[in-house]
């Protein structure tokens, strides 16, 4: 938002400074950006991860969970190039404060991904512990909060319907057949009733959460970014 207000430019490259987003990757982004008419966002897609086996296992679980809850696949990070005309619409999206890439996806602005290898960290190790990574993942999911709420609502109502049908089936067997084992119908009906109540409670809770979130005043980057910009610098190449 600072760039949008203070600098005239054609595009903005978003990258980390730890070395994993490489200069060679920037060249690839610029080349793809030019080939697509300088009007589409380009994201670097990481096809391979170099973390531990445990991390990759949790990341795979997260990708499945993210896809199931939001309908969007996880395949990119922050490394990207944005046309300058994208800055204004993104600036009024409060979701940008939670997760940059997810906010771009949610904006419905055109984008494509290209495979770019991850570079090596210049120095030190990542300070992201497991809790921070989980928080980062939840931030990405929260951008699609209303979609997640609706999907969980549908899932909860479906579960409640199945539990209700189960209760009806148990009562039918108990009253109209001789299959019932003494005492089983009471326990089964009670268990299904508890499940039914829980599903209804979950569905009701998510409904009110989604509705309340739509009434809240959120962080707007275009309005609230200034306290987070301490300094800006111009970098020039002398080659």
C-alpha atoms as a PDB file:
ATOM      1  CA  UNK A   1       0.000   0.000   0.000  1.00  0.00           C
ATOM      2  CA  UNK A   2       2.958   2.269   0.657  1.00  0.00           C
ATOM      3  CA  UNK A   3       4.202   1.601  -2.885  1.00  0.00           C
ATOM      4  CA  UNK A   4       0.758   2.207  -4.339  1.00  0.00           C
ATOM      5  CA  UNK A   5       0.601   5.635  -2.719  1.00  0.00           C
ATOM      6  CA  UNK A   6       4.177   6.819  -3.164  1.00  0.00           C
ATOM      7  CA  UNK A   7       5.755   5.133  -6.209  1.00  0.00           C
ATOM      8  CA  UNK A   8       4.695   5.020  -9.853  1.00  0.00           C
ATOM      9  CA  UNK A   9       5.491   1.568 -11.229  1.00  0.00           C
ATOM     10  CA  UNK A  10       4.252  -1.090 -13.620  1.00  0.00           C
ATOM     11  CA  UNK A  11       4.479  -4.048 -11.245  1.00  0.00           C
ATOM     12  CA  UNK A  12       5.537  -5.067  -7.740  1.00  0.00           C
ATOM     13  CA  UNK A  13       7.610  -8.121  -6.838  1.00  0.00           C
ATOM     14  CA  UNK A  14       6.891  -9.700  -3.462  1.00  0.00           C
ATOM     15  CA  UNK A  15       9.732 -11.805  -2.065  1.00  0.00           C
ATOM     16  CA  UNK A  16      11.514 -12.787   1.127  1.00  0.00           C
ATOM     17  CA  UNK A  17      15.055 -11.586   1.815  1.00  0.00           C
ATOM     18  CA  UNK A  18      16.382 -14.839   3.297  1.00  0.00           C
ATOM     19  CA  UNK A  19      17.739 -16.166  -0.011  1.00  0.00           C
ATOM     20  CA  UNK A  20      15.074 -18.786  -0.678  1.00  0.00           C
ATOM     21  CA  UNK A  21      13.483 -16.422  -3.203  1.00  0.00           C
ATOM     22  CA  UNK A  22      16.323 -16.038  -5.689  1.00  0.00           C
ATOM     23  CA  UNK A  23      17.328 -13.378  -8.258  1.00  0.00           C
ATOM     24  CA  UNK A  24      17.058 -16.087 -10.914  1.00  0.00           C
ATOM     25  CA  UNK A  25      13.483 -16.631  -9.758  1.00  0.00           C
ATOM     26  CA  UNK A  26      12.790 -12.915 -10.180  1.00  0.00           C
ATOM     27  CA  UNK A  27      13.972 -13.162 -13.789  1.00  0.00           C
ATOM     28  CA  UNK A  28      11.578 -16.085 -14.347  1.00  0.00           C
ATOM     29  CA  UNK A  29       8.695 -14.114 -12.831  1.00  0.00           C
ATOM     30  CA  UNK A  30       9.457 -11.094 -15.005  1.00  0.00           C
ATOM     31  CA  UNK A  31       9.693 -13.246 -18.117  1.00  0.00           C
ATOM     32  CA  UNK A  32       6.348 -14.932 -17.393  1.00  0.00           C
ATOM     33  CA  UNK A  33       4.804 -11.560 -16.539  1.00  0.00           C
ATOM     34  CA  UNK A  34       5.916 -10.131 -19.884  1.00  0.00           C
ATOM     35  CA  UNK A  35       4.689 -13.164 -21.838  1.00  0.00           C
ATOM     36  CA  UNK A  36       1.244 -12.805 -20.242  1.00  0.00           C
ATOM     37  CA  UNK A  37       0.763  -9.235 -21.369  1.00  0.00           C
ATOM     38  CA  UNK A  38       1.931  -7.553 -18.161  1.00  0.00           C
ATOM     39  CA  UNK A  39      -1.599  -7.846 -16.799  1.00  0.00           C
ATOM     40  CA  UNK A  40      -1.650 -11.034 -14.722  1.00  0.00           C
ATOM     41  CA  UNK A  41      -0.184 -11.886 -11.335  1.00  0.00           C
ATOM     42  CA  UNK A  42       2.463 -14.618 -11.419  1.00  0.00           C
ATOM     43  CA  UNK A  43       3.186 -16.809  -8.380  1.00  0.00           C
ATOM     44  CA  UNK A  44       6.146 -19.109  -7.864  1.00  0.00           C
ATOM     45  CA  UNK A  45       4.944 -22.661  -7.347  1.00  0.00           C
ATOM     46  CA  UNK A  46       7.138 -24.769  -5.077  1.00  0.00           C
ATOM     47  CA  UNK A  47       7.025 -28.346  -6.362  1.00  0.00           C
ATOM     48  CA  UNK A  48       9.415 -29.821  -3.800  1.00  0.00           C
ATOM     49  CA  UNK A  49       9.934 -29.131  -0.121  1.00  0.00           C
ATOM     50  CA  UNK A  50      13.286 -29.699   1.593  1.00  0.00           C
ATOM     51  CA  UNK A  51      12.067 -29.860   5.192  1.00  0.00           C
ATOM     52  CA  UNK A  52      12.021 -32.932   7.400  1.00  0.00           C
ATOM     53  CA  UNK A  53       9.812 -35.933   6.709  1.00  0.00           C
ATOM     54  CA  UNK A  54       7.626 -35.060   9.718  1.00  0.00           C
ATOM     55  CA  UNK A  55       7.104 -31.511   8.464  1.00  0.00           C
ATOM     56  CA  UNK A  56       6.210 -32.745   4.993  1.00  0.00           C
ATOM     57  CA  UNK A  57       3.706 -35.204   6.467  1.00  0.00           C
ATOM     58  CA  UNK A  58       1.984 -32.438   8.428  1.00  0.00           C
ATOM     59  CA  UNK A  59       2.117 -30.179   5.363  1.00  0.00           C
ATOM     60  CA  UNK A  60       0.384 -32.851   3.270  1.00  0.00           C
ATOM     61  CA  UNK A  61      -2.327 -33.143   5.928  1.00  0.00           C
ATOM     62  CA  UNK A  62      -2.684 -29.355   5.915  1.00  0.00           C
ATOM     63  CA  UNK A  63      -3.035 -29.278   2.116  1.00  0.00           C
ATOM     64  CA  UNK A  64      -5.816 -31.873   2.277  1.00  0.00           C
ATOM     65  CA  UNK A  65      -7.550 -29.972   5.087  1.00  0.00           C
ATOM     66  CA  UNK A  66      -7.202 -26.641   3.261  1.00  0.00           C
ATOM     67  CA  UNK A  67      -8.608 -28.110   0.052  1.00  0.00           C
ATOM     68  CA  UNK A  68     -11.528 -29.693   1.875  1.00  0.00           C
ATOM     69  CA  UNK A  69     -12.468 -26.576   3.850  1.00  0.00           C
ATOM     70  CA  UNK A  70     -11.886 -23.890   1.217  1.00  0.00           C
ATOM     71  CA  UNK A  71     -11.950 -25.619  -2.167  1.00  0.00           C
ATOM     72  CA  UNK A  72      -8.575 -24.040  -3.006  1.00  0.00           C
ATOM     73  CA  UNK A  73      -5.326 -25.995  -3.363  1.00  0.00           C
ATOM     74  CA  UNK A  74      -2.189 -24.870  -1.508  1.00  0.00           C
ATOM     75  CA  UNK A  75       0.702 -24.580  -3.926  1.00  0.00           C
ATOM     76  CA  UNK A  76       2.358 -21.160  -3.593  1.00  0.00           C
ATOM     77  CA  UNK A  77       3.949 -18.834  -1.063  1.00  0.00           C
ATOM     78  CA  UNK A  78       4.566 -15.088  -1.162  1.00  0.00           C
ATOM     79  CA  UNK A  79       7.107 -15.044  -4.024  1.00  0.00           C
ATOM     80  CA  UNK A  80       5.221 -13.365  -6.851  1.00  0.00           C
ATOM     81  CA  UNK A  81       4.834 -10.384  -9.161  1.00  0.00           C
ATOM     82  CA  UNK A  82       1.699  -8.213  -9.158  1.00  0.00           C
ATOM     83  CA  UNK A  83       0.559  -5.726 -11.800  1.00  0.00           C
ATOM     84  CA  UNK A  84       0.278  -2.279 -10.258  1.00  0.00           C
ATOM     85  CA  UNK A  85      -3.458  -2.184 -10.977  1.00  0.00           C
ATOM     86  CA  UNK A  86      -3.923  -5.024  -8.469  1.00  0.00           C
ATOM     87  CA  UNK A  87      -2.705  -2.903  -5.558  1.00  0.00           C
ATOM     88  CA  UNK A  88      -5.833  -0.798  -5.143  1.00  0.00           C
ATOM     89  CA  UNK A  89      -8.364  -3.662  -5.016  1.00  0.00           C
ATOM     90  CA  UNK A  90      -6.123  -5.655  -2.677  1.00  0.00           C
ATOM     91  CA  UNK A  91      -5.752  -2.591  -0.453  1.00  0.00           C
ATOM     92  CA  UNK A  92      -9.401  -2.715   0.541  1.00  0.00           C
ATOM     93  CA  UNK A  93      -9.344  -6.423   1.367  1.00  0.00           C
ATOM     94  CA  UNK A  94      -8.986  -6.958   5.108  1.00  0.00           C
ATOM     95  CA  UNK A  95      -8.003 -10.562   4.334  1.00  0.00           C
ATOM     96  CA  UNK A  96      -4.645  -9.273   3.053  1.00  0.00           C
ATOM     97  CA  UNK A  97      -3.604  -8.686   6.663  1.00  0.00           C
ATOM     98  CA  UNK A  98      -4.008 -12.388   7.442  1.00  0.00           C
ATOM     99  CA  UNK A  99      -2.415 -14.017   4.409  1.00  0.00           C
ATOM    100  CA  UNK A 100      -1.164 -12.379   1.210  1.00  0.00           C
ATOM    101  CA  UNK A 101      -1.421 -15.295  -1.249  1.00  0.00           C
ATOM    102  CA  UNK A 102      -4.801 -16.425   0.049  1.00  0.00           C
ATOM    103  CA  UNK A 103      -6.117 -12.850  -0.246  1.00  0.00           C
ATOM    104  CA  UNK A 104      -5.063 -12.705  -3.919  1.00  0.00           C
ATOM    105  CA  UNK A 105      -6.837 -16.004  -4.572  1.00  0.00           C
ATOM    106  CA  UNK A 106      -9.940 -14.779  -2.763  1.00  0.00           C
ATOM    107  CA  UNK A 107      -9.958 -11.514  -4.726  1.00  0.00           C
ATOM    108  CA  UNK A 108     -10.681 -13.437  -7.958  1.00  0.00           C
ATOM    109  CA  UNK A 109      -8.015 -11.375  -9.725  1.00  0.00           C
ATOM    110  CA  UNK A 110      -6.394 -13.365 -12.567  1.00  0.00           C
ATOM    111  CA  UNK A 111      -3.170 -15.182 -11.679  1.00  0.00           C
ATOM    112  CA  UNK A 112      -1.073 -18.087 -12.871  1.00  0.00           C
ATOM    113  CA  UNK A 113       1.673 -20.140 -11.262  1.00  0.00           C
ATOM    114  CA  UNK A 114       5.029 -21.215 -12.655  1.00  0.00           C
ATOM    115  CA  UNK A 115       7.489 -23.702 -11.122  1.00  0.00           C
ATOM    116  CA  UNK A 116      10.506 -21.981  -9.579  1.00  0.00           C
ATOM    117  CA  UNK A 117      13.074 -23.876  -7.472  1.00  0.00           C
ATOM    118  CA  UNK A 118      13.548 -22.744  -3.905  1.00  0.00           C
ATOM    119  CA  UNK A 119      16.941 -21.238  -3.120  1.00  0.00           C
ATOM    120  CA  UNK A 120      19.093 -21.790  -0.041  1.00  0.00           C
ATOM    121  CA  UNK A 121      18.829 -19.636   3.036  1.00  0.00           C
ATOM    122  CA  UNK A 122      21.672 -17.106   3.168  1.00  0.00           C
ATOM    123  CA  UNK A 123      22.376 -17.537   6.875  1.00  0.00           C
ATOM    124  CA  UNK A 124      20.886 -19.019  10.004  1.00  0.00           C
ATOM    125  CA  UNK A 125      17.810 -21.202  10.265  1.00  0.00           C
ATOM    126  CA  UNK A 126      14.132 -20.490  10.057  1.00  0.00           C
ATOM    127  CA  UNK A 127      12.606 -19.042  13.236  1.00  0.00           C
ATOM    128  CA  UNK A 128       9.225 -20.542  12.388  1.00  0.00           C
ATOM    129  CA  UNK A 129       8.432 -23.186  14.993  1.00  0.00           C
ATOM    130  CA  UNK A 130       5.580 -25.670  14.750  1.00  0.00           C
ATOM    131  CA  UNK A 131       3.115 -23.401  16.558  1.00  0.00           C
ATOM    132  CA  UNK A 132       3.946 -20.489  14.244  1.00  0.00           C
ATOM    133  CA  UNK A 133       3.500 -22.682  11.176  1.00  0.00           C
ATOM    134  CA  UNK A 134       0.109 -23.902  12.407  1.00  0.00           C
ATOM    135  CA  UNK A 135      -0.910 -20.298  13.066  1.00  0.00           C
ATOM    136  CA  UNK A 136       0.222 -19.321   9.564  1.00  0.00           C
ATOM    137  CA  UNK A 137      -1.825 -22.146   8.059  1.00  0.00           C
ATOM    138  CA  UNK A 138      -4.921 -21.174  10.028  1.00  0.00           C
ATOM    139  CA  UNK A 139      -4.481 -17.576   8.848  1.00  0.00           C
ATOM    140  CA  UNK A 140      -4.644 -18.795   5.251  1.00  0.00           C
ATOM    141  CA  UNK A 141      -7.811 -20.776   5.971  1.00  0.00           C
ATOM    142  CA  UNK A 142      -9.383 -17.829   7.821  1.00  0.00           C
ATOM    143  CA  UNK A 143      -9.285 -15.744   4.618  1.00  0.00           C
ATOM    144  CA  UNK A 144     -12.008 -18.085   3.338  1.00  0.00           C
ATOM    145  CA  UNK A 145     -13.908 -17.919   6.634  1.00  0.00           C
ATOM    146  CA  UNK A 146     -17.374 -17.636   5.143  1.00  0.00           C
ATOM    147  CA  UNK A 147     -16.750 -20.511   2.722  1.00  0.00           C
ATOM    148  CA  UNK A 148     -15.366 -22.645   5.556  1.00  0.00           C
ATOM    149  CA  UNK A 149     -18.380 -21.733   7.691  1.00  0.00           C
ATOM    150  CA  UNK A 150     -20.850 -22.725   4.986  1.00  0.00           C
ATOM    151  CA  UNK A 151     -19.060 -26.022   4.301  1.00  0.00           C
ATOM    152  CA  UNK A 152     -18.942 -26.884   7.992  1.00  0.00           C
ATOM    153  CA  UNK A 153     -22.591 -25.885   8.310  1.00  0.00           C
ATOM    154  CA  UNK A 154     -23.538 -28.233   5.468  1.00  0.00           C
ATOM    155  CA  UNK A 155     -21.398 -30.997   6.971  1.00  0.00           C
ATOM    156  CA  UNK A 156     -22.947 -30.500  10.417  1.00  0.00           C
ATOM    157  CA  UNK A 157     -26.489 -30.508   9.050  1.00  0.00           C
ATOM    158  CA  UNK A 158     -25.712 -33.639   7.054  1.00  0.00           C
ATOM    159  CA  UNK A 159     -24.394 -35.303  10.211  1.00  0.00           C
ATOM    160  CA  UNK A 160     -27.492 -34.197  12.124  1.00  0.00           C
ATOM    161  CA  UNK A 161     -29.733 -35.625   9.395  1.00  0.00           C
ATOM    162  CA  UNK A 162     -27.914 -38.965   9.474  1.00  0.00           C
ATOM    163  CA  UNK A 163     -28.153 -39.079  13.273  1.00  0.00           C
ATOM    164  CA  UNK A 164     -31.897 -38.326  13.046  1.00  0.00           C
ATOM    165  CA  UNK A 165     -32.369 -41.092  10.490  1.00  0.00           C
ATOM    166  CA  UNK A 166     -30.420 -43.413  12.765  1.00  0.00           C
ATOM    167  CA  UNK A 167     -32.764 -42.650  15.661  1.00  0.00           C
ATOM    168  CA  UNK A 168     -35.768 -43.258  13.403  1.00  0.00           C
ATOM    169  CA  UNK A 169     -34.308 -46.589  12.286  1.00  0.00           C
ATOM    170  CA  UNK A 170     -33.663 -47.697  15.877  1.00  0.00           C
ATOM    171  CA  UNK A 171     -37.211 -46.811  16.943  1.00  0.00           C
ATOM    172  CA  UNK A 172     -38.639 -48.630  13.907  1.00  0.00           C
ATOM    173  CA  UNK A 173     -36.649 -51.782  14.678  1.00  0.00           C
ATOM    174  CA  UNK A 174     -37.617 -51.615  18.354  1.00  0.00           C
ATOM    175  CA  UNK A 175     -41.355 -51.193  17.768  1.00  0.00           C
ATOM    176  CA  UNK A 176     -42.041 -53.178  14.618  1.00  0.00           C
ATOM    177  CA  UNK A 177     -39.534 -56.062  14.569  1.00  0.00           C
ATOM    178  CA  UNK A 178     -38.255 -58.769  16.854  1.00  0.00           C
ATOM    179  CA  UNK A 179     -34.579 -58.045  16.078  1.00  0.00           C
ATOM    180  CA  UNK A 180     -33.992 -55.821  19.041  1.00  0.00           C
ATOM    181  CA  UNK A 181     -31.781 -56.996  21.897  1.00  0.00           C
ATOM    182  CA  UNK A 182     -33.218 -55.915  25.269  1.00  0.00           C
ATOM    183  CA  UNK A 183     -31.775 -52.565  26.343  1.00  0.00           C
ATOM    184  CA  UNK A 184     -29.882 -51.824  23.137  1.00  0.00           C
ATOM    185  CA  UNK A 185     -32.455 -49.432  21.696  1.00  0.00           C
ATOM    186  CA  UNK A 186     -32.296 -47.095  24.692  1.00  0.00           C
ATOM    187  CA  UNK A 187     -28.522 -46.833  24.638  1.00  0.00           C
ATOM    188  CA  UNK A 188     -28.324 -46.467  20.853  1.00  0.00           C
ATOM    189  CA  UNK A 189     -31.068 -43.849  20.741  1.00  0.00           C
ATOM    190  CA  UNK A 190     -29.437 -41.895  23.574  1.00  0.00           C
ATOM    191  CA  UNK A 191     -26.050 -41.954  21.840  1.00  0.00           C
ATOM    192  CA  UNK A 192     -27.509 -40.835  18.512  1.00  0.00           C
ATOM    193  CA  UNK A 193     -29.481 -38.092  20.270  1.00  0.00           C
ATOM    194  CA  UNK A 194     -26.265 -36.746  21.789  1.00  0.00           C
ATOM    195  CA  UNK A 195     -24.610 -36.797  18.357  1.00  0.00           C
ATOM    196  CA  UNK A 196     -27.650 -35.060  16.851  1.00  0.00           C
ATOM    197  CA  UNK A 197     -27.574 -32.291  19.474  1.00  0.00           C
ATOM    198  CA  UNK A 198     -23.834 -31.772  18.981  1.00  0.00           C
ATOM    199  CA  UNK A 199     -24.179 -31.446  15.211  1.00  0.00           C
ATOM    200  CA  UNK A 200     -27.035 -28.964  15.600  1.00  0.00           C
ATOM    201  CA  UNK A 201     -24.988 -26.953  18.122  1.00  0.00           C
ATOM    202  CA  UNK A 202     -21.972 -26.879  15.786  1.00  0.00           C
ATOM    203  CA  UNK A 203     -24.140 -25.816  12.827  1.00  0.00           C
ATOM    204  CA  UNK A 204     -25.766 -23.046  14.857  1.00  0.00           C
ATOM    205  CA  UNK A 205     -22.413 -21.811  16.195  1.00  0.00           C
ATOM    206  CA  UNK A 206     -20.824 -21.578  12.744  1.00  0.00           C
ATOM    207  CA  UNK A 207     -23.876 -19.763  11.382  1.00  0.00           C
ATOM    208  CA  UNK A 208     -23.618 -17.048  14.035  1.00  0.00           C
ATOM    209  CA  UNK A 209     -19.822 -16.831  13.675  1.00  0.00           C
ATOM    210  CA  UNK A 210     -20.064 -16.232   9.912  1.00  0.00           C
ATOM    211  CA  UNK A 211     -22.828 -13.669  10.330  1.00  0.00           C
ATOM    212  CA  UNK A 212     -21.012 -11.816  13.121  1.00  0.00           C
ATOM    213  CA  UNK A 213     -17.758 -11.644  11.141  1.00  0.00           C
ATOM    214  CA  UNK A 214     -19.544  -9.894   8.288  1.00  0.00           C
ATOM    215  CA  UNK A 215     -20.617  -7.140  10.682  1.00  0.00           C
ATOM    216  CA  UNK A 216     -17.168  -6.469  12.159  1.00  0.00           C
ATOM    217  CA  UNK A 217     -14.872  -3.603  11.166  1.00  0.00           C
ATOM    218  CA  UNK A 218     -11.615  -5.158   9.985  1.00  0.00           C
ATOM    219  CA  UNK A 219      -8.071  -4.033   9.340  1.00  0.00           C
ATOM    220  CA  UNK A 220      -7.935  -2.322   5.931  1.00  0.00           C
ATOM    221  CA  UNK A 221      -4.394  -2.213   4.484  1.00  0.00           C
ATOM    222  CA  UNK A 222      -5.057   0.914   2.405  1.00  0.00           C
ATOM    223  CA  UNK A 223      -6.127   2.774   5.533  1.00  0.00           C
ATOM    224  CA  UNK A 224      -4.090   1.211   8.347  1.00  0.00           C
ATOM    225  CA  UNK A 225      -0.729   0.287   6.808  1.00  0.00           C
ATOM    226  CA  UNK A 226       1.255   3.405   7.762  1.00  0.00           C
ATOM    227  CA  UNK A 227       2.288   2.429  11.340  1.00  0.00           C
ATOM    228  CA  UNK A 228       3.878  -0.754   9.956  1.00  0.00           C
ATOM    229  CA  UNK A 229       6.181   0.989   7.439  1.00  0.00           C
ATOM    230  CA  UNK A 230       9.276   2.111   9.333  1.00  0.00           C
ATOM    231  CA  UNK A 231      11.500   2.906   6.345  1.00  0.00           C
ATOM    232  CA  UNK A 232      11.690   2.539   2.572  1.00  0.00           C
ATOM    233  CA  UNK A 233      14.885   2.448   0.508  1.00  0.00           C
ATOM    234  CA  UNK A 234      15.808   2.614  -3.175  1.00  0.00           C
ATOM    235  CA  UNK A 235      18.192  -0.127  -4.309  1.00  0.00           C
ATOM    236  CA  UNK A 236      20.254   0.330  -7.464  1.00  0.00           C
ATOM    237  CA  UNK A 237      22.535  -2.026  -9.346  1.00  0.00           C
ATOM    238  CA  UNK A 238      25.985  -0.660 -10.302  1.00  0.00           C
ATOM    239  CA  UNK A 239      26.850  -3.450 -12.755  1.00  0.00           C
END
